[in-house]
Each structure stands twice: as C-alpha cells, then as structure tokens.
Amino acid sequence: MIRRLLLATGLLVLSLSATAGTWGTGSFDNDDAADFLLDATKQADVQQLRSALERATSEGFLEAPDGAYAIASAEMVAAAMGKPTAEASKNAEVGDWVVRVHPKVDPSLAAEAVRALDRVLGDESELRQVWAESEEYDAWRGGVIALRDRIAALGSRSPK
C-alpha cells in the first residue's frame, strides 16, 4: 500500500513538473519567449522580430505571450545593433544568430521595439499585470526599462 502511494505521488510530481512552465525575470526566462527565440533564430532576417513588435504595438489589450515575444524581439534587436544586454549575451542562440545572419536593423525597427516595450509596461498589458502581482515585479520592470532605454539610445544615434 505504501509503495503504491509513493509511486502515485512520484508520478504526480513528474506530471506536474512536465507541465510547469519556465518563469523568471529575465527576457528569455519564460516558455513563450524561449519558444519565440527558438523560432526566430532559425530565420535569416528580422521579419519575425518586426512582426512580433508590430503585434505588440497594435491597438487593444496586449496578451502575455505577445508581450513576451516583444521583449525577446527587442533583446534580439539590441544584439543585432551591436549592444546586446547581459541577458542576450549569456544566450548562445542570440549570439549565434547575429554572427550567422548579420541582421540589419533600420531606425524604424529600433523605434518599433521601443514602442513595443512601452506597451509591455503599460496598463493594457497582461504581462505587466501578471508581474505586478509578483514580489519580483520591480526586478522584471527594471530589466524591461533598461532594455527599452538601451534601444532608445542606440536608435537615436545618427549614422556616421
């Protein structure tokens, strides 16, 4: 009887851990962003990033997955502009993609990334609402603001 109970408990734990998602304050520390990154780094251009950023800046309520895609896209934009964050630098897929693709980021894409991150941080963002209920909200918000400010500074530089 005890053995059956232990076996059942073990299977329940395995089942729960198999369905539990990844969730952390980093830009790629959730399942949506990780899945997006996997797909985006298979591409040979920035079109998937642009599409994700455009979805995030469209009218209406911003769903959590689209917010996560926008953050991951913005990370890749910063990396493509030659100034990856620490978060992107520790992610081999981002670095490999930049080296392989040599993506070109025009000023409109950088501006779209800034607008998308503003929406992620806004009142009509499910991702922000979820994080606002967390003890780690300030850390998450600070990371998004730092990414936004980095891209804004890079985008405001005039070409030489």
C-alpha atoms as a PDB file:
ATOM      1  CA  MET A   1       0.000   0.000   0.000  1.00  0.00           C
ATOM      2  CA  ILE A   2       2.750   2.488   0.924  1.00  0.00           C
ATOM      3  CA  ARG A   3       4.697   1.564  -2.173  1.00  0.00           C
ATOM      4  CA  ARG A   4       1.650   2.274  -4.375  1.00  0.00           C
ATOM      5  CA  LEU A   5       1.117   5.603  -2.635  1.00  0.00           C
ATOM      6  CA  LEU A   6       4.757   6.580  -3.144  1.00  0.00           C
ATOM      7  CA  LEU A   7       4.602   5.539  -6.794  1.00  0.00           C
ATOM      8  CA  ALA A   8       1.398   7.523  -7.349  1.00  0.00           C
ATOM      9  CA  THR A   9       2.901  10.555  -5.604  1.00  0.00           C
ATOM     10  CA  GLY A  10       6.043  10.290  -7.719  1.00  0.00           C
ATOM     11  CA  LEU A  11       4.014  10.133 -10.927  1.00  0.00           C
ATOM     12  CA  LEU A  12       2.003  13.166  -9.845  1.00  0.00           C
ATOM     13  CA  VAL A  13       5.191  15.123  -9.172  1.00  0.00           C
ATOM     14  CA  LEU A  14       6.636  14.108 -12.559  1.00  0.00           C
ATOM     15  CA  SER A  15       3.396  15.041 -14.261  1.00  0.00           C
ATOM     16  CA  LEU A  16       3.304  18.459 -12.612  1.00  0.00           C
ATOM     17  CA  SER A  17       6.949  19.196 -13.366  1.00  0.00           C
ATOM     18  CA  ALA A  18       6.486  18.217 -17.004  1.00  0.00           C
ATOM     19  CA  THR A  19       3.660  20.738 -17.427  1.00  0.00           C
ATOM     20  CA  ALA A  20       5.078  23.512 -15.282  1.00  0.00           C
ATOM     21  CA  GLY A  21       6.410  26.390 -17.317  1.00  0.00           C
ATOM     22  CA  THR A  22       9.615  28.286 -17.004  1.00  0.00           C
ATOM     23  CA  TRP A  23       9.177  31.667 -15.369  1.00  0.00           C
ATOM     24  CA  GLY A  24      11.809  34.166 -14.289  1.00  0.00           C
ATOM     25  CA  THR A  25      12.507  37.879 -14.538  1.00  0.00           C
ATOM     26  CA  GLY A  26      14.911  37.586 -17.469  1.00  0.00           C
ATOM     27  CA  SER A  27      13.839  38.331 -21.023  1.00  0.00           C
ATOM     28  CA  PHE A  28      14.083  34.682 -22.077  1.00  0.00           C
ATOM     29  CA  ASP A  29      13.037  33.185 -18.722  1.00  0.00           C
ATOM     30  CA  ASN A  30       9.552  32.101 -19.771  1.00  0.00           C
ATOM     31  CA  ASP A  31       8.253  29.469 -22.141  1.00  0.00           C
ATOM     32  CA  ASP A  32       6.727  31.939 -24.605  1.00  0.00           C
ATOM     33  CA  ALA A  33       9.979  33.881 -25.038  1.00  0.00           C
ATOM     34  CA  ALA A  34      12.076  30.716 -25.178  1.00  0.00           C
ATOM     35  CA  ASP A  35       9.836  29.233 -27.883  1.00  0.00           C
ATOM     36  CA  PHE A  36       9.881  32.509 -29.806  1.00  0.00           C
ATOM     37  CA  LEU A  37      13.678  32.648 -29.602  1.00  0.00           C
ATOM     38  CA  LEU A  38      13.971  29.117 -30.930  1.00  0.00           C
ATOM     39  CA  ASP A  39      11.850  30.014 -33.966  1.00  0.00           C
ATOM     40  CA  ALA A  40      13.333  33.482 -34.544  1.00  0.00           C
ATOM     41  CA  THR A  41      16.928  32.273 -34.541  1.00  0.00           C
ATOM     42  CA  LYS A  42      16.106  29.875 -37.378  1.00  0.00           C
ATOM     43  CA  GLN A  43      15.266  32.857 -39.593  1.00  0.00           C
ATOM     44  CA  ALA A  44      17.723  34.613 -41.894  1.00  0.00           C
ATOM     45  CA  ASP A  45      16.342  38.110 -41.329  1.00  0.00           C
ATOM     46  CA  VAL A  46      14.497  40.311 -38.818  1.00  0.00           C
ATOM     47  CA  GLN A  47      10.995  39.848 -40.241  1.00  0.00           C
ATOM     48  CA  GLN A  48       9.771  37.662 -37.364  1.00  0.00           C
ATOM     49  CA  LEU A  49      11.060  40.276 -34.905  1.00  0.00           C
ATOM     50  CA  ARG A  50       9.313  43.054 -36.819  1.00  0.00           C
ATOM     51  CA  SER A  51       6.041  41.088 -36.878  1.00  0.00           C
ATOM     52  CA  ALA A  52       6.157  40.440 -33.133  1.00  0.00           C
ATOM     53  CA  LEU A  53       6.908  44.088 -32.405  1.00  0.00           C
ATOM     54  CA  GLU A  54       4.100  45.251 -34.689  1.00  0.00           C
ATOM     55  CA  ARG A  55       1.626  42.928 -32.934  1.00  0.00           C
ATOM     56  CA  ALA A  56       2.701  44.365 -29.590  1.00  0.00           C
ATOM     57  CA  THR A  57       2.119  47.931 -30.773  1.00  0.00           C
ATOM     58  CA  SER A  58      -1.297  47.280 -32.282  1.00  0.00           C
ATOM     59  CA  GLU A  59      -4.443  48.610 -30.614  1.00  0.00           C
ATOM     60  CA  GLY A  60      -6.207  46.751 -27.844  1.00  0.00           C
ATOM     61  CA  PHE A  61      -5.206  44.629 -24.900  1.00  0.00           C
ATOM     62  CA  LEU A  62      -1.704  43.111 -25.141  1.00  0.00           C
ATOM     63  CA  GLU A  63      -1.819  39.415 -24.254  1.00  0.00           C
ATOM     64  CA  ALA A  64       1.038  37.965 -22.183  1.00  0.00           C
ATOM     65  CA  PRO A  65       2.534  35.801 -24.956  1.00  0.00           C
ATOM     66  CA  ASP A  66       2.718  38.769 -27.326  1.00  0.00           C
ATOM     67  CA  GLY A  67       4.370  40.810 -24.570  1.00  0.00           C
ATOM     68  CA  ALA A  68       6.957  38.072 -24.053  1.00  0.00           C
ATOM     69  CA  TYR A  69       7.596  37.894 -27.812  1.00  0.00           C
ATOM     70  CA  ALA A  70       8.088  41.673 -27.887  1.00  0.00           C
ATOM     71  CA  ILE A  71      10.667  41.556 -25.105  1.00  0.00           C
ATOM     72  CA  ALA A  72      12.550  38.698 -26.774  1.00  0.00           C
ATOM     73  CA  SER A  73      12.421  40.558 -30.107  1.00  0.00           C
ATOM     74  CA  ALA A  74      13.743  43.734 -28.504  1.00  0.00           C
ATOM     75  CA  GLU A  75      16.624  41.761 -26.997  1.00  0.00           C
ATOM     76  CA  MET A  76      17.481  40.463 -30.446  1.00  0.00           C
ATOM     77  CA  VAL A  77      17.212  43.965 -31.925  1.00  0.00           C
ATOM     78  CA  ALA A  78      19.689  45.305 -29.343  1.00  0.00           C
ATOM     79  CA  ALA A  79      22.046  42.405 -30.085  1.00  0.00           C
ATOM     80  CA  ALA A  80      21.736  42.996 -33.828  1.00  0.00           C
ATOM     81  CA  MET A  81      22.606  46.657 -33.221  1.00  0.00           C
ATOM     82  CA  GLY A  82      25.858  45.508 -31.610  1.00  0.00           C
ATOM     83  CA  LYS A  83      24.861  46.207 -28.000  1.00  0.00           C
ATOM     84  CA  PRO A  84      23.422  43.004 -26.530  1.00  0.00           C
ATOM     85  CA  THR A  85      22.267  43.099 -22.933  1.00  0.00           C
ATOM     86  CA  ALA A  86      23.788  40.765 -20.363  1.00  0.00           C
ATOM     87  CA  GLU A  87      20.659  38.645 -20.798  1.00  0.00           C
ATOM     88  CA  ALA A  88      21.231  38.268 -24.544  1.00  0.00           C
ATOM     89  CA  SER A  89      24.994  37.849 -24.130  1.00  0.00           C
ATOM     90  CA  LYS A  90      24.534  34.768 -21.991  1.00  0.00           C
ATOM     91  CA  ASN A  91      22.185  33.250 -24.559  1.00  0.00           C
ATOM     92  CA  ALA A  92      24.195  31.365 -27.175  1.00  0.00           C
ATOM     93  CA  GLU A  93      21.306  31.253 -29.655  1.00  0.00           C
ATOM     94  CA  VAL A  94      21.177  35.048 -29.885  1.00  0.00           C
ATOM     95  CA  GLY A  95      24.919  35.400 -30.437  1.00  0.00           C
ATOM     96  CA  ASP A  96      24.991  32.588 -32.984  1.00  0.00           C
ATOM     97  CA  TRP A  97      22.071  34.167 -34.877  1.00  0.00           C
ATOM     98  CA  VAL A  98      23.793  37.569 -35.025  1.00  0.00           C
ATOM     99  CA  VAL A  99      27.031  36.013 -36.303  1.00  0.00           C
ATOM    100  CA  ARG A 100      25.259  33.811 -38.863  1.00  0.00           C
ATOM    101  CA  VAL A 101      22.702  36.313 -40.167  1.00  0.00           C
ATOM    102  CA  HIS A 102      24.365  39.716 -39.726  1.00  0.00           C
ATOM    103  CA  PRO A 103      20.876  41.217 -39.332  1.00  0.00           C
ATOM    104  CA  LYS A 104      20.309  44.791 -40.428  1.00  0.00           C
ATOM    105  CA  VAL A 105      18.309  46.921 -38.030  1.00  0.00           C
ATOM    106  CA  ASP A 106      16.943  50.102 -39.524  1.00  0.00           C
ATOM    107  CA  PRO A 107      15.843  53.020 -37.320  1.00  0.00           C
ATOM    108  CA  SER A 108      12.164  52.136 -37.782  1.00  0.00           C
ATOM    109  CA  LEU A 109      12.703  48.690 -36.251  1.00  0.00           C
ATOM    110  CA  ALA A 110      14.508  50.169 -33.250  1.00  0.00           C
ATOM    111  CA  ALA A 111      11.687  52.683 -32.806  1.00  0.00           C
ATOM    112  CA  GLU A 112       9.109  49.887 -33.055  1.00  0.00           C
ATOM    113  CA  ALA A 113      10.976  47.960 -30.343  1.00  0.00           C
ATOM    114  CA  VAL A 114      10.852  50.990 -28.031  1.00  0.00           C
ATOM    115  CA  ARG A 115       7.111  51.435 -28.668  1.00  0.00           C
ATOM    116  CA  ALA A 116       6.507  47.724 -28.073  1.00  0.00           C
ATOM    117  CA  LEU A 117       8.349  47.792 -24.742  1.00  0.00           C
ATOM    118  CA  ASP A 118       6.335  50.870 -23.726  1.00  0.00           C
ATOM    119  CA  ARG A 119       3.170  48.844 -24.419  1.00  0.00           C
ATOM    120  CA  VAL A 120       4.508  45.861 -22.441  1.00  0.00           C
ATOM    121  CA  LEU A 121       4.978  48.197 -19.479  1.00  0.00           C
ATOM    122  CA  GLY A 122       1.588  49.866 -19.965  1.00  0.00           C
ATOM    123  CA  ASP A 123      -1.768  49.399 -18.277  1.00  0.00           C
ATOM    124  CA  GLU A 124      -3.225  47.317 -21.122  1.00  0.00           C
ATOM    125  CA  SER A 125      -0.526  44.632 -20.865  1.00  0.00           C
ATOM    126  CA  GLU A 126      -1.380  41.254 -19.408  1.00  0.00           C
ATOM    127  CA  LEU A 127       2.304  40.511 -18.849  1.00  0.00           C
ATOM    128  CA  ARG A 128       2.726  43.668 -16.764  1.00  0.00           C
ATOM    129  CA  GLN A 129      -0.429  42.849 -14.825  1.00  0.00           C
ATOM    130  CA  VAL A 130       0.851  39.367 -14.010  1.00  0.00           C
ATOM    131  CA  TRP A 131       4.222  40.706 -12.898  1.00  0.00           C
ATOM    132  CA  ALA A 132       2.596  43.494 -10.853  1.00  0.00           C
ATOM    133  CA  GLU A 133       1.187  40.775  -8.586  1.00  0.00           C
ATOM    134  CA  SER A 134       4.642  39.262  -8.068  1.00  0.00           C
ATOM    135  CA  GLU A 135       7.300  40.033  -5.489  1.00  0.00           C
ATOM    136  CA  GLU A 136       9.758  40.248  -8.393  1.00  0.00           C
ATOM    137  CA  TYR A 137       7.842  42.960 -10.244  1.00  0.00           C
ATOM    138  CA  ASP A 138      10.471  45.635  -9.662  1.00  0.00           C
ATOM    139  CA  ALA A 139      13.272  43.398 -10.988  1.00  0.00           C
ATOM    140  CA  TRP A 140      11.251  42.448 -14.074  1.00  0.00           C
ATOM    141  CA  ARG A 141      10.163  46.045 -14.728  1.00  0.00           C
ATOM    142  CA  GLY A 142      13.716  47.323 -14.247  1.00  0.00           C
ATOM    143  CA  GLY A 143      15.027  44.862 -16.809  1.00  0.00           C
ATOM    144  CA  VAL A 144      12.422  45.878 -19.387  1.00  0.00           C
ATOM    145  CA  ILE A 145      13.075  49.588 -18.782  1.00  0.00           C
ATOM    146  CA  ALA A 146      16.844  49.074 -19.131  1.00  0.00           C
ATOM    147  CA  LEU A 147      16.313  47.236 -22.425  1.00  0.00           C
ATOM    148  CA  ARG A 148      13.973  49.966 -23.661  1.00  0.00           C
ATOM    149  CA  ASP A 149      16.443  52.704 -22.726  1.00  0.00           C
ATOM    150  CA  ARG A 150      19.328  50.836 -24.389  1.00  0.00           C
ATOM    151  CA  ILE A 151      17.474  50.543 -27.695  1.00  0.00           C
ATOM    152  CA  ALA A 152      16.233  54.143 -27.495  1.00  0.00           C
ATOM    153  CA  ALA A 153      19.816  55.351 -27.022  1.00  0.00           C
ATOM    154  CA  LEU A 154      21.089  53.198 -29.888  1.00  0.00           C
ATOM    155  CA  GLY A 155      18.254  54.282 -32.159  1.00  0.00           C
ATOM    156  CA  SER A 156      18.869  57.958 -31.502  1.00  0.00           C
ATOM    157  CA  ARG A 157      22.472  57.788 -32.698  1.00  0.00           C
ATOM    158  CA  SER A 158      22.890  59.208 -36.126  1.00  0.00           C
ATOM    159  CA  PRO A 159      24.890  57.151 -38.630  1.00  0.00           C
ATOM    160  CA  LYS A 160      28.400  58.384 -39.283  1.00  0.00           C
END
